[in-house]
């Protein structure tokens, strides 16, 4: 036990005769660490992108509601009458009449 701790501290486990197994393990662990770091960075990047997309969705939804409200105001009868009186048109005083067509069948 004491000998193995000293070999790790001095680094002799890397230069001994059977050090090839140790180097393979160290290389494998290093590759796994790099993959883990890259995966973490990728996940963080996706979280930021999702947050930005949620903000954009909120802004677009707000613009949609605002546009729909303006459309509803433009479609109101009072708004239409007001715009047409500026052009010289006024609503009819006589109500519309329904025309009934009788078929010859």
PDB file of N, CA and C in Angstrom:
ATOM      1  N   UNK A   1       0.829  -1.194   0.000  1.00  0.00           N
ATOM      2  CA  UNK A   1       0.000   0.000   0.000  1.00  0.00           C
ATOM      3  C   UNK A   1       0.863   1.244   0.000  1.00  0.00           C
ATOM      4  N   UNK A   2       1.833   1.274   0.909  1.00  0.00           N
ATOM      5  CA  UNK A   2       2.721   2.423   1.010  1.00  0.00           C
ATOM      6  C   UNK A   2       3.580   2.556  -0.249  1.00  0.00           C
ATOM      7  N   UNK A   3       3.958   1.419  -0.787  1.00  0.00           N
ATOM      8  CA  UNK A   3       4.795   1.410  -1.989  1.00  0.00           C
ATOM      9  C   UNK A   3       4.027   1.945  -3.199  1.00  0.00           C
ATOM     10  N   UNK A   4       2.753   1.594  -3.307  1.00  0.00           N
ATOM     11  CA  UNK A   4       1.967   2.056  -4.443  1.00  0.00           C
ATOM     12  C   UNK A   4       1.707   3.557  -4.350  1.00  0.00           C
ATOM     13  N   UNK A   5       1.518   4.084  -3.165  1.00  0.00           N
ATOM     14  CA  UNK A   5       1.324   5.529  -3.001  1.00  0.00           C
ATOM     15  C   UNK A   5       2.594   6.277  -3.393  1.00  0.00           C
ATOM     16  N   UNK A   6       3.759   5.759  -2.979  1.00  0.00           N
ATOM     17  CA  UNK A   6       5.015   6.392  -3.361  1.00  0.00           C
ATOM     18  C   UNK A   6       5.243   6.341  -4.867  1.00  0.00           C
ATOM     19  N   UNK A   7       4.842   5.230  -5.481  1.00  0.00           N
ATOM     20  CA  UNK A   7       5.041   5.127  -6.938  1.00  0.00           C
ATOM     21  C   UNK A   7       4.121   6.108  -7.672  1.00  0.00           C
ATOM     22  N   UNK A   8       2.966   6.356  -7.130  1.00  0.00           N
ATOM     23  CA  UNK A   8       2.069   7.322  -7.751  1.00  0.00           C
ATOM     24  C   UNK A   8       2.624   8.732  -7.562  1.00  0.00           C
ATOM     25  N   UNK A   9       3.080   9.043  -6.365  1.00  0.00           N
ATOM     26  CA  UNK A   9       3.602  10.384  -6.093  1.00  0.00           C
ATOM     27  C   UNK A   9       4.872  10.672  -6.883  1.00  0.00           C
ATOM     28  N   UNK A  10       5.733   9.699  -7.023  1.00  0.00           N
ATOM     29  CA  UNK A  10       6.988   9.899  -7.761  1.00  0.00           C
ATOM     30  C   UNK A  10       6.806   9.748  -9.264  1.00  0.00           C
ATOM     31  N   UNK A  11       5.754   9.102  -9.677  1.00  0.00           N
ATOM     32  CA  UNK A  11       5.519   8.921 -11.096  1.00  0.00           C
ATOM     33  C   UNK A  11       6.206   7.704 -11.667  1.00  0.00           C
ATOM     34  N   UNK A  12       6.716   6.820 -10.840  1.00  0.00           N
ATOM     35  CA  UNK A  12       7.412   5.629 -11.347  1.00  0.00           C
ATOM     36  C   UNK A  12       6.447   4.635 -11.976  1.00  0.00           C
ATOM     37  N   UNK A  13       5.163   4.748 -11.661  1.00  0.00           N
ATOM     38  CA  UNK A  13       4.194   3.828 -12.273  1.00  0.00           C
ATOM     39  C   UNK A  13       4.024   4.127 -13.765  1.00  0.00           C
ATOM     40  N   UNK A  14       4.506   5.300 -14.205  1.00  0.00           N
ATOM     41  CA  UNK A  14       4.396   5.651 -15.615  1.00  0.00           C
ATOM     42  C   UNK A  14       5.599   5.209 -16.441  1.00  0.00           C
ATOM     43  N   UNK A  15       6.704   4.929 -15.775  1.00  0.00           N
ATOM     44  CA  UNK A  15       7.921   4.564 -16.523  1.00  0.00           C
ATOM     45  C   UNK A  15       8.382   3.135 -16.255  1.00  0.00           C
ATOM     46  N   UNK A  16       7.629   2.395 -15.474  1.00  0.00           N
ATOM     47  CA  UNK A  16       8.021   1.014 -15.188  1.00  0.00           C
ATOM     48  C   UNK A  16       7.745   0.127 -16.411  1.00  0.00           C
ATOM     49  N   UNK A  17       8.090  -1.146 -16.308  1.00  0.00           N
ATOM     50  CA  UNK A  17       7.956  -2.079 -17.429  1.00  0.00           C
ATOM     51  C   UNK A  17       6.494  -2.299 -17.839  1.00  0.00           C
ATOM     52  N   UNK A  18       5.602  -2.368 -16.890  1.00  0.00           N
ATOM     53  CA  UNK A  18       4.190  -2.607 -17.217  1.00  0.00           C
ATOM     54  C   UNK A  18       3.378  -1.309 -17.224  1.00  0.00           C
ATOM     55  N   UNK A  19       4.038  -0.236 -17.592  1.00  0.00           N
ATOM     56  CA  UNK A  19       3.378   1.075 -17.561  1.00  0.00           C
ATOM     57  C   UNK A  19       2.416   1.286 -18.745  1.00  0.00           C
ATOM     58  N   UNK A  20       2.486   0.412 -19.754  1.00  0.00           N
ATOM     59  CA  UNK A  20       1.603   0.569 -20.916  1.00  0.00           C
ATOM     60  C   UNK A  20       0.133   0.515 -20.500  1.00  0.00           C
ATOM     61  N   UNK A  21      -0.216  -0.381 -19.557  1.00  0.00           N
ATOM     62  CA  UNK A  21      -1.593  -0.462 -19.059  1.00  0.00           C
ATOM     63  C   UNK A  21      -1.983   0.836 -18.359  1.00  0.00           C
ATOM     64  N   UNK A  22      -1.068   1.391 -17.616  1.00  0.00           N
ATOM     65  CA  UNK A  22      -1.355   2.639 -16.903  1.00  0.00           C
ATOM     66  C   UNK A  22      -1.560   3.800 -17.874  1.00  0.00           C
ATOM     67  N   UNK A  23      -0.727   3.846 -18.899  1.00  0.00           N
ATOM     68  CA  UNK A  23      -0.865   4.927 -19.890  1.00  0.00           C
ATOM     69  C   UNK A  23      -2.200   4.822 -20.637  1.00  0.00           C
ATOM     70  N   UNK A  24      -2.596   3.592 -20.960  1.00  0.00           N
ATOM     71  CA  UNK A  24      -3.887   3.404 -21.636  1.00  0.00           C
ATOM     72  C   UNK A  24      -5.035   3.904 -20.759  1.00  0.00           C
ATOM     73  N   UNK A  25      -4.988   3.584 -19.468  1.00  0.00           N
ATOM     74  CA  UNK A  25      -6.035   4.023 -18.552  1.00  0.00           C
ATOM     75  C   UNK A  25      -6.044   5.550 -18.435  1.00  0.00           C
ATOM     76  N   UNK A  26      -4.880   6.143 -18.297  1.00  0.00           N
ATOM     77  CA  UNK A  26      -4.796   7.604 -18.186  1.00  0.00           C
ATOM     78  C   UNK A  26      -5.308   8.260 -19.463  1.00  0.00           C
ATOM     79  N   UNK A  27      -4.924   7.734 -20.609  1.00  0.00           N
ATOM     80  CA  UNK A  27      -5.390   8.280 -21.883  1.00  0.00           C
ATOM     81  C   UNK A  27      -6.915   8.133 -22.012  1.00  0.00           C
ATOM     82  N   UNK A  28      -7.430   6.979 -21.624  1.00  0.00           N
ATOM     83  CA  UNK A  28      -8.875   6.753 -21.671  1.00  0.00           C
ATOM     84  C   UNK A  28      -9.627   7.735 -20.773  1.00  0.00           C
ATOM     85  N   UNK A  29      -9.129   7.926 -19.555  1.00  0.00           N
ATOM     86  CA  UNK A  29      -9.771   8.865 -18.633  1.00  0.00           C
ATOM     87  C   UNK A  29      -9.684  10.301 -19.143  1.00  0.00           C
ATOM     88  N   UNK A  30      -8.565  10.636 -19.786  1.00  0.00           N
ATOM     89  CA  UNK A  30      -8.416  11.983 -20.354  1.00  0.00           C
ATOM     90  C   UNK A  30      -9.412  12.218 -21.480  1.00  0.00           C
ATOM     91  N   UNK A  31      -9.580  11.231 -22.334  1.00  0.00           N
ATOM     92  CA  UNK A  31     -10.551  11.352 -23.426  1.00  0.00           C
ATOM     93  C   UNK A  31     -11.967  11.482 -22.875  1.00  0.00           C
ATOM     94  N   UNK A  32     -12.296  10.697 -21.857  1.00  0.00           N
ATOM     95  CA  UNK A  32     -13.611  10.800 -21.233  1.00  0.00           C
ATOM     96  C   UNK A  32     -13.829  12.182 -20.613  1.00  0.00           C
ATOM     97  N   UNK A  33     -12.800  12.747 -19.997  1.00  0.00           N
ATOM     98  CA  UNK A  33     -12.919  14.077 -19.394  1.00  0.00           C
ATOM     99  C   UNK A  33     -13.163  15.131 -20.468  1.00  0.00           C
ATOM    100  N   UNK A  34     -12.457  15.030 -21.589  1.00  0.00           N
ATOM    101  CA  UNK A  34     -12.652  15.993 -22.681  1.00  0.00           C
ATOM    102  C   UNK A  34     -14.067  15.872 -23.249  1.00  0.00           C
ATOM    103  N   UNK A  35     -14.544  14.656 -23.417  1.00  0.00           N
ATOM    104  CA  UNK A  35     -15.907  14.457 -23.922  1.00  0.00           C
ATOM    105  C   UNK A  35     -16.932  15.023 -22.944  1.00  0.00           C
ATOM    106  N   UNK A  36     -16.712  14.814 -21.663  1.00  0.00           N
ATOM    107  CA  UNK A  36     -17.633  15.327 -20.652  1.00  0.00           C
ATOM    108  C   UNK A  36     -17.661  16.858 -20.656  1.00  0.00           C
ATOM    109  N   UNK A  37     -16.522  17.489 -20.781  1.00  0.00           N
ATOM    110  CA  UNK A  37     -16.451  18.951 -20.820  1.00  0.00           C
ATOM    111  C   UNK A  37     -17.152  19.480 -22.069  1.00  0.00           C
ATOM    112  N   UNK A  38     -16.916  18.848 -23.206  1.00  0.00           N
ATOM    113  CA  UNK A  38     -17.563  19.282 -24.454  1.00  0.00           C
ATOM    114  C   UNK A  38     -19.081  19.116 -24.357  1.00  0.00           C
ATOM    115  N   UNK A  39     -19.525  18.036 -23.772  1.00  0.00           N
ATOM    116  CA  UNK A  39     -20.953  17.811 -23.607  1.00  0.00           C
ATOM    117  C   UNK A  39     -21.577  18.864 -22.693  1.00  0.00           C
ATOM    118  N   UNK A  40     -20.876  19.213 -21.652  1.00  0.00           N
ATOM    119  CA  UNK A  40     -21.363  20.240 -20.727  1.00  0.00           C
ATOM    120  C   UNK A  40     -21.488  21.591 -21.418  1.00  0.00           C
ATOM    121  N   UNK A  41     -20.487  21.951 -22.204  1.00  0.00           N
ATOM    122  CA  UNK A  41     -20.534  23.220 -22.943  1.00  0.00           C
ATOM    123  C   UNK A  41     -21.679  23.209 -23.962  1.00  0.00           C
ATOM    124  N   UNK A  42     -21.874  22.091 -24.609  1.00  0.00           N
ATOM    125  CA  UNK A  42     -22.963  21.982 -25.580  1.00  0.00           C
ATOM    126  C   UNK A  42     -24.321  22.131 -24.901  1.00  0.00           C
ATOM    127  N   UNK A  43     -24.478  21.523 -23.747  1.00  0.00           N
ATOM    128  CA  UNK A  43     -25.741  21.638 -23.006  1.00  0.00           C
ATOM    129  C   UNK A  43     -25.981  23.077 -22.561  1.00  0.00           C
ATOM    130  N   UNK A  44     -24.941  23.749 -22.087  1.00  0.00           N
ATOM    131  CA  UNK A  44     -25.082  25.154 -21.681  1.00  0.00           C
ATOM    132  C   UNK A  44     -25.487  26.030 -22.859  1.00  0.00           C
ATOM    133  N   UNK A  45     -24.872  25.791 -24.004  1.00  0.00           N
ATOM    134  CA  UNK A  45     -25.192  26.560 -25.206  1.00  0.00           C
ATOM    135  C   UNK A  45     -26.665  26.360 -25.593  1.00  0.00           C
ATOM    136  N   UNK A  46     -27.147  25.142 -25.474  1.00  0.00           N
ATOM    137  CA  UNK A  46     -28.549  24.860 -25.813  1.00  0.00           C
ATOM    138  C   UNK A  46     -29.499  25.517 -24.815  1.00  0.00           C
ATOM    139  N   UNK A  47     -29.114  25.567 -23.549  1.00  0.00           N
ATOM    140  CA  UNK A  47     -29.956  26.220 -22.546  1.00  0.00           C
ATOM    141  C   UNK A  47     -30.085  27.702 -22.858  1.00  0.00           C
ATOM    142  N   UNK A  48     -28.986  28.356 -23.215  1.00  0.00           N
ATOM    143  CA  UNK A  48     -29.032  29.772 -23.568  1.00  0.00           C
ATOM    144  C   UNK A  48     -29.879  29.987 -24.827  1.00  0.00           C
ATOM    145  N   UNK A  49     -29.751  29.100 -25.795  1.00  0.00           N
ATOM    146  CA  UNK A  49     -30.525  29.227 -27.024  1.00  0.00           C
ATOM    147  C   UNK A  49     -32.022  29.057 -26.745  1.00  0.00           C
ATOM    148  N   UNK A  50     -32.362  28.126 -25.873  1.00  0.00           N
ATOM    149  CA  UNK A  50     -33.775  27.930 -25.509  1.00  0.00           C
ATOM    150  C   UNK A  50     -34.313  29.169 -24.805  1.00  0.00           C
ATOM    151  N   UNK A  51     -33.527  29.764 -23.918  1.00  0.00           N
ATOM    152  CA  UNK A  51     -33.968  30.975 -23.228  1.00  0.00           C
ATOM    153  C   UNK A  51     -34.195  32.113 -24.221  1.00  0.00           C
ATOM    154  N   UNK A  52     -33.295  32.262 -25.189  1.00  0.00           N
ATOM    155  CA  UNK A  52     -33.460  33.312 -26.202  1.00  0.00           C
ATOM    156  C   UNK A  52     -34.697  33.065 -27.060  1.00  0.00           C
ATOM    157  N   UNK A  53     -34.941  31.811 -27.421  1.00  0.00           N
ATOM    158  CA  UNK A  53     -36.113  31.494 -28.231  1.00  0.00           C
ATOM    159  C   UNK A  53     -37.414  31.739 -27.451  1.00  0.00           C
ATOM    160  N   UNK A  54     -37.405  31.467 -26.149  1.00  0.00           N
ATOM    161  CA  UNK A  54     -38.592  31.741 -25.334  1.00  0.00           C
ATOM    162  C   UNK A  54     -38.874  33.238 -25.287  1.00  0.00           C
ATOM    163  N   UNK A  55     -37.823  34.048 -25.170  1.00  0.00           N
ATOM    164  CA  UNK A  55     -38.002  35.504 -25.186  1.00  0.00           C
ATOM    165  C   UNK A  55     -38.583  35.954 -26.520  1.00  0.00           C
ATOM    166  N   UNK A  56     -38.070  35.391 -27.596  1.00  0.00           N
ATOM    167  CA  UNK A  56     -38.560  35.752 -28.922  1.00  0.00           C
ATOM    168  C   UNK A  56     -40.031  35.359 -29.093  1.00  0.00           C
ATOM    169  N   UNK A  57     -40.410  34.198 -28.562  1.00  0.00           N
ATOM    170  CA  UNK A  57     -41.801  33.763 -28.636  1.00  0.00           C
ATOM    171  C   UNK A  57     -42.699  34.722 -27.862  1.00  0.00           C
ATOM    172  N   UNK A  58     -42.248  35.165 -26.697  1.00  0.00           N
ATOM    173  CA  UNK A  58     -43.033  36.125 -25.915  1.00  0.00           C
ATOM    174  C   UNK A  58     -43.225  37.424 -26.683  1.00  0.00           C
ATOM    175  N   UNK A  59     -42.159  37.909 -27.321  1.00  0.00           N
ATOM    176  CA  UNK A  59     -42.255  39.150 -28.090  1.00  0.00           C
ATOM    177  C   UNK A  59     -43.205  38.980 -29.282  1.00  0.00           C
ATOM    178  N   UNK A  60     -43.097  37.862 -29.987  1.00  0.00           N
ATOM    179  CA  UNK A  60     -43.967  37.636 -31.139  1.00  0.00           C
ATOM    180  C   UNK A  60     -45.424  37.472 -30.718  1.00  0.00           C
ATOM    181  N   UNK A  61     -45.653  36.804 -29.602  1.00  0.00           N
ATOM    182  CA  UNK A  61     -47.024  36.651 -29.106  1.00  0.00           C
ATOM    183  C   UNK A  61     -47.600  38.011 -28.731  1.00  0.00           C
ATOM    184  N   UNK A  62     -46.779  38.854 -28.117  1.00  0.00           N
ATOM    185  CA  UNK A  62     -47.225  40.202 -27.756  1.00  0.00           C
ATOM    186  C   UNK A  62     -47.558  41.013 -29.010  1.00  0.00           C
ATOM    187  N   UNK A  63     -46.723  40.902 -30.033  1.00  0.00           N
ATOM    188  CA  UNK A  63     -46.979  41.617 -31.286  1.00  0.00           C
ATOM    189  C   UNK A  63     -48.262  41.094 -31.944  1.00  0.00           C
ATOM    190  N   UNK A  64     -48.498  39.791 -31.867  1.00  0.00           N
ATOM    191  CA  UNK A  64     -49.708  39.211 -32.440  1.00  0.00           C
ATOM    192  C   UNK A  64     -50.953  39.736 -31.728  1.00  0.00           C
ATOM    193  N   UNK A  65     -50.911  39.764 -30.401  1.00  0.00           N
ATOM    194  CA  UNK A  65     -52.065  40.250 -29.639  1.00  0.00           C
ATOM    195  C   UNK A  65     -52.312  41.723 -29.933  1.00  0.00           C
ATOM    196  N   UNK A  66     -51.247  42.492 -30.036  1.00  0.00           N
ATOM    197  CA  UNK A  66     -51.372  43.915 -30.357  1.00  0.00           C
ATOM    198  C   UNK A  66     -51.982  44.108 -31.742  1.00  0.00           C
ATOM    199  N   UNK A  67     -51.527  43.356 -32.710  1.00  0.00           N
ATOM    200  CA  UNK A  67     -52.071  43.440 -34.069  1.00  0.00           C
ATOM    201  C   UNK A  67     -53.528  43.023 -34.121  1.00  0.00           C
ATOM    202  N   UNK A  68     -53.871  41.973 -33.379  1.00  0.00           N
ATOM    203  CA  UNK A  68     -55.259  41.525 -33.348  1.00  0.00           C
ATOM    204  C   UNK A  68     -56.162  42.583 -32.711  1.00  0.00           C
ATOM    205  N   UNK A  69     -55.660  43.258 -31.684  1.00  0.00           N
ATOM    206  CA  UNK A  69     -56.437  44.311 -31.042  1.00  0.00           C
ATOM    207  C   UNK A  69     -56.666  45.481 -32.005  1.00  0.00           C
ATOM    208  N   UNK A  70     -55.644  45.864 -32.733  1.00  0.00           N
ATOM    209  CA  UNK A  70     -55.795  46.954 -33.715  1.00  0.00           C
ATOM    210  C   UNK A  70     -56.788  46.560 -34.803  1.00  0.00           C
ATOM    211  N   UNK A  71     -56.747  45.321 -35.238  1.00  0.00           N
ATOM    212  CA  UNK A  71     -57.674  44.848 -36.258  1.00  0.00           C
ATOM    213  C   UNK A  71     -59.115  44.895 -35.758  1.00  0.00           C
ATOM    214  N   UNK A  72     -59.315  44.467 -34.528  1.00  0.00           N
ATOM    215  CA  UNK A  72     -60.664  44.498 -33.963  1.00  0.00           C
ATOM    216  C   UNK A  72     -61.176  45.937 -33.869  1.00  0.00           C
ATOM    217  N   UNK A  73     -60.314  46.882 -33.534  1.00  0.00           N
ATOM    218  CA  UNK A  73     -60.728  48.283 -33.462  1.00  0.00           C
ATOM    219  C   UNK A  73     -61.067  48.814 -34.845  1.00  0.00           C
ATOM    220  N   UNK A  74     -60.296  48.412 -35.857  1.00  0.00           N
ATOM    221  CA  UNK A  74     -60.573  48.869 -37.215  1.00  0.00           C
ATOM    222  C   UNK A  74     -61.874  48.270 -37.757  1.00  0.00           C
ATOM    223  N   UNK A  75     -62.232  47.095 -37.329  1.00  0.00           N
ATOM    224  CA  UNK A  75     -63.425  46.429 -37.829  1.00  0.00           C
ATOM    225  C   UNK A  75     -64.701  46.899 -37.141  1.00  0.00           C
ATOM    226  N   UNK A  76     -64.595  47.634 -36.041  1.00  0.00           N
ATOM    227  CA  UNK A  76     -65.796  48.085 -35.334  1.00  0.00           C
ATOM    228  C   UNK A  76     -66.592  49.037 -36.220  1.00  0.00           C
ATOM    229  N   UNK A  77     -67.904  48.961 -36.101  1.00  0.00           N
ATOM    230  CA  UNK A  77     -68.786  49.748 -36.950  1.00  0.00           C
ATOM    231  C   UNK A  77     -68.568  51.239 -36.761  1.00  0.00           C
ATOM    232  N   UNK A  78     -68.353  51.658 -35.520  1.00  0.00           N
ATOM    233  CA  UNK A  78     -68.150  53.086 -35.268  1.00  0.00           C
ATOM    234  C   UNK A  78     -66.873  53.593 -35.941  1.00  0.00           C
ATOM    235  N   UNK A  79     -65.840  52.778 -35.961  1.00  0.00           N
ATOM    236  CA  UNK A  79     -64.595  53.168 -36.605  1.00  0.00           C
ATOM    237  C   UNK A  79     -64.777  53.267 -38.117  1.00  0.00           C
ATOM    238  N   UNK A  80     -65.517  52.316 -38.690  1.00  0.00           N
ATOM    239  CA  UNK A  80     -65.760  52.333 -40.127  1.00  0.00           C
ATOM    240  C   UNK A  80     -66.582  53.562 -40.506  1.00  0.00           C
ATOM    241  N   UNK A  81     -67.634  53.864 -39.724  1.00  0.00           N
ATOM    242  CA  UNK A  81     -68.481  55.030 -40.005  1.00  0.00           C
ATOM    243  C   UNK A  81     -67.661  56.314 -39.924  1.00  0.00           C
ATOM    244  N   UNK A  82     -66.797  56.400 -38.935  1.00  0.00           N
ATOM    245  CA  UNK A  82     -65.961  57.595 -38.768  1.00  0.00           C
ATOM    246  C   UNK A  82     -65.047  57.803 -39.977  1.00  0.00           C
ATOM    247  N   UNK A  83     -64.448  56.739 -40.455  1.00  0.00           N
ATOM    248  CA  UNK A  83     -63.544  56.861 -41.607  1.00  0.00           C
ATOM    249  C   UNK A  83     -64.309  57.197 -42.885  1.00  0.00           C
ATOM    250  N   UNK A  84     -65.503  56.639 -43.028  1.00  0.00           N
ATOM    251  CA  UNK A  84     -66.277  56.900 -44.242  1.00  0.00           C
ATOM    252  C   UNK A  84     -66.884  58.294 -44.235  1.00  0.00           C
ATOM    253  N   UNK A  85     -67.210  58.860 -43.069  1.00  0.00           N
ATOM    254  CA  UNK A  85     -67.735  60.231 -43.039  1.00  0.00           C
ATOM    255  C   UNK A  85     -66.666  61.218 -43.462  1.00  0.00           C
ATOM    256  N   UNK A  86     -65.408  60.920 -43.216  1.00  0.00           N
ATOM    257  CA  UNK A  86     -64.316  61.784 -43.691  1.00  0.00           C
ATOM    258  C   UNK A  86     -64.268  61.803 -45.212  1.00  0.00           C
ATOM    259  N   UNK A  87     -64.707  60.726 -45.840  1.00  0.00           N
ATOM    260  CA  UNK A  87     -64.696  60.640 -47.307  1.00  0.00           C
ATOM    261  C   UNK A  87     -66.032  61.060 -47.928  1.00  0.00           C
ATOM    262  N   UNK A  88     -66.988  61.468 -47.105  1.00  0.00           N
ATOM    263  CA  UNK A  88     -68.249  61.957 -47.628  1.00  0.00           C
ATOM    264  C   UNK A  88     -69.353  60.926 -47.678  1.00  0.00           C
ATOM    265  N   UNK A  89     -69.144  59.757 -47.144  1.00  0.00           N
ATOM    266  CA  UNK A  89     -70.181  58.729 -47.118  1.00  0.00           C
ATOM    267  C   UNK A  89     -70.811  58.681 -45.732  1.00  0.00           C
ATOM    268  N   UNK A  90     -72.083  58.340 -45.685  1.00  0.00           N
ATOM    269  CA  UNK A  90     -72.758  58.221 -44.398  1.00  0.00           C
ATOM    270  C   UNK A  90     -73.597  56.950 -44.410  1.00  0.00           C
ATOM    271  N   UNK A  91     -73.978  56.472 -43.228  1.00  0.00           N
ATOM    272  CA  UNK A  91     -74.802  55.257 -43.196  1.00  0.00           C
ATOM    273  C   UNK A  91     -76.196  55.518 -43.750  1.00  0.00           C
ATOM    274  N   UNK A  92     -76.795  54.520 -44.276  1.00  0.00           N
ATOM    275  CA  UNK A  92     -78.116  54.628 -44.880  1.00  0.00           C
ATOM    276  C   UNK A  92     -79.167  54.844 -43.798  1.00  0.00           C
ATOM    277  N   UNK A  93     -80.129  55.709 -44.102  1.00  0.00           N
ATOM    278  CA  UNK A  93     -81.235  55.951 -43.174  1.00  0.00           C
ATOM    279  C   UNK A  93     -82.311  54.875 -43.314  1.00  0.00           C
ATOM    280  N   UNK A  94     -82.405  54.279 -44.511  1.00  0.00           N
ATOM    281  CA  UNK A  94     -83.407  53.252 -44.790  1.00  0.00           C
ATOM    282  C   UNK A  94     -82.769  51.891 -44.541  1.00  0.00           C
ATOM    283  N   UNK A  95     -83.398  51.053 -43.740  1.00  0.00           N
ATOM    284  CA  UNK A  95     -82.808  49.734 -43.497  1.00  0.00           C
ATOM    285  C   UNK A  95     -82.834  48.884 -44.765  1.00  0.00           C
ATOM    286  N   UNK A  96     -81.931  47.949 -44.891  1.00  0.00           N
ATOM    287  CA  UNK A  96     -81.897  47.110 -46.087  1.00  0.00           C
ATOM    288  C   UNK A  96     -83.120  46.198 -46.150  1.00  0.00           C
ATOM    289  N   UNK A  97     -83.508  45.862 -47.362  1.00  0.00           N
ATOM    290  CA  UNK A  97     -84.643  44.970 -47.579  1.00  0.00           C
ATOM    291  C   UNK A  97     -84.136  43.645 -48.114  1.00  0.00           C
ATOM    292  N   UNK A  98     -84.798  42.595 -47.702  1.00  0.00           N
ATOM    293  CA  UNK A  98     -84.430  41.259 -48.138  1.00  0.00           C
ATOM    294  C   UNK A  98     -85.149  40.967 -49.453  1.00  0.00           C
ATOM    295  N   UNK A  99     -84.425  40.477 -50.415  1.00  0.00           N
ATOM    296  CA  UNK A  99     -84.990  40.130 -51.716  1.00  0.00           C
ATOM    297  C   UNK A  99     -85.190  38.630 -51.744  1.00  0.00           C
ATOM    298  N   UNK A 100     -86.425  38.224 -52.034  1.00  0.00           N
ATOM    299  CA  UNK A 100     -86.737  36.797 -52.113  1.00  0.00           C
ATOM    300  C   UNK A 100     -86.932  36.419 -53.562  1.00  0.00           C
ATOM    301  N   UNK A 101     -86.273  35.396 -53.989  1.00  0.00           N
ATOM    302  CA  UNK A 101     -86.392  34.921 -55.366  1.00  0.00           C
ATOM    303  C   UNK A 101     -87.110  33.580 -55.315  1.00  0.00           C
ATOM    304  N   UNK A 102     -88.186  33.503 -56.092  1.00  0.00           N
ATOM    305  CA  UNK A 102     -88.937  32.253 -56.149  1.00  0.00           C
ATOM    306  C   UNK A 102     -88.476  31.469 -57.361  1.00  0.00           C
ATOM    307  N   UNK A 103     -88.189  30.225 -57.151  1.00  0.00           N
ATOM    308  CA  UNK A 103     -87.764  29.397 -58.275  1.00  0.00           C
ATOM    309  C   UNK A 103     -88.997  28.860 -59.009  1.00  0.00           C
ATOM    310  N   UNK A 104     -88.845  28.505 -60.258  1.00  0.00           N
ATOM    311  CA  UNK A 104     -89.961  28.039 -61.085  1.00  0.00           C
ATOM    312  C   UNK A 104     -90.234  26.554 -60.896  1.00  0.00           C
ATOM    313  N   UNK A 105     -89.506  25.864 -60.085  1.00  0.00           N
ATOM    314  CA  UNK A 105     -89.689  24.420 -59.888  1.00  0.00           C
ATOM    315  C   UNK A 105     -90.967  24.127 -59.234  1.00  0.00           C
TER     316      UNK A 105
END
